[in-house]
Amino acid sequence: MSQSKREQVVSHLRYIRQELREMHQGVMDDGLLPEAGEVRGVMAQMEALLELLEGKSRKKDSDG
């Protein structure tokens, strides 16, 4: 994996981890579930990460 792609993956994972921590803290402290928009935002980040990672394997598949 190229260094820039690795940095993108790390950045996505850090963002997702922070968002999930904040959601968890809200549930634990206040018993409040996160808003739907917050959940959709994290899911979109996870989708972007998956696409980034799958893009690498798709290139390998088409090269063979």
Protein backbone atom coordinates (compact mmCIF):
# COMPACT_ATOMS: atom_id res chain seq x y z
CA MET A 1 0.00 0.00 0.00
CA SER A 2 1.42 3.38 -0.93
CA GLN A 3 2.36 5.79 1.85
CA SER A 4 -0.29 8.36 0.85
CA LYS A 5 -3.02 5.71 0.76
CA ARG A 6 -1.85 4.44 4.14
CA GLU A 7 -2.07 7.98 5.52
CA GLN A 8 -5.59 8.33 4.14
CA VAL A 9 -6.63 5.07 5.80
CA VAL A 10 -5.11 6.13 9.11
CA SER A 11 -6.86 9.50 8.89
CA HIS A 12 -10.23 7.86 8.18
CA LEU A 13 -9.79 5.41 11.04
CA ARG A 14 -8.84 8.16 13.50
CA TYR A 15 -11.90 10.18 12.52
CA ILE A 16 -14.20 7.17 12.83
CA ARG A 17 -12.70 6.19 16.19
CA GLN A 18 -13.16 9.70 17.58
CA GLU A 19 -16.75 9.94 16.38
CA LEU A 20 -17.60 6.55 17.89
CA ARG A 21 -15.95 7.49 21.18
CA GLU A 22 -18.07 10.65 21.35
CA MET A 23 -21.23 8.70 20.59
CA HIS A 24 -20.37 6.10 23.21
CA GLN A 25 -19.64 8.78 25.80
CA GLY A 26 -23.02 10.37 25.15
CA VAL A 27 -24.75 7.03 25.64
CA MET A 28 -22.84 6.28 28.83
CA ASP A 29 -23.10 9.75 30.39
CA ASP A 30 -26.59 10.79 29.38
CA GLY A 31 -28.24 7.64 28.12
CA LEU A 32 -28.91 9.45 24.85
CA LEU A 33 -28.65 7.72 21.52
CA PRO A 34 -26.72 9.58 18.81
CA GLU A 35 -28.68 11.50 16.22
CA ALA A 36 -29.35 9.72 12.95
CA GLY A 37 -27.22 12.25 11.06
CA GLU A 38 -24.22 11.49 13.27
CA VAL A 39 -24.57 7.78 12.63
CA ARG A 40 -24.97 8.35 8.89
CA GLY A 41 -21.82 10.50 8.91
CA VAL A 42 -19.74 7.76 10.52
CA MET A 43 -21.22 5.18 8.17
CA ALA A 44 -20.27 7.39 5.21
CA GLN A 45 -16.70 7.59 6.51
CA MET A 46 -16.61 3.81 6.85
CA GLU A 47 -17.91 3.45 3.28
CA ALA A 48 -15.22 5.85 2.03
CA LEU A 49 -12.57 3.83 3.83
CA LEU A 50 -13.89 0.59 2.37
CA GLU A 51 -13.89 2.06 -1.13
CA LEU A 52 -10.34 3.29 -0.64
CA LEU A 53 -9.20 -0.16 0.46
CA GLU A 54 -11.18 -2.05 -2.19
CA GLY A 55 -9.82 0.20 -4.92
CA LYS A 56 -6.41 -1.34 -4.30
CA SER A 57 -7.69 -4.93 -4.58
CA ARG A 58 -9.78 -4.13 -7.67
CA LYS A 59 -6.66 -2.89 -9.45
CA LYS A 60 -4.87 -6.11 -8.58
CA ASP A 61 -7.80 -8.19 -9.85
CA SER A 62 -7.92 -6.35 -13.18
CA ASP A 63 -4.13 -6.59 -13.66
CA GLY A 64 -4.13 -10.37 -13.45
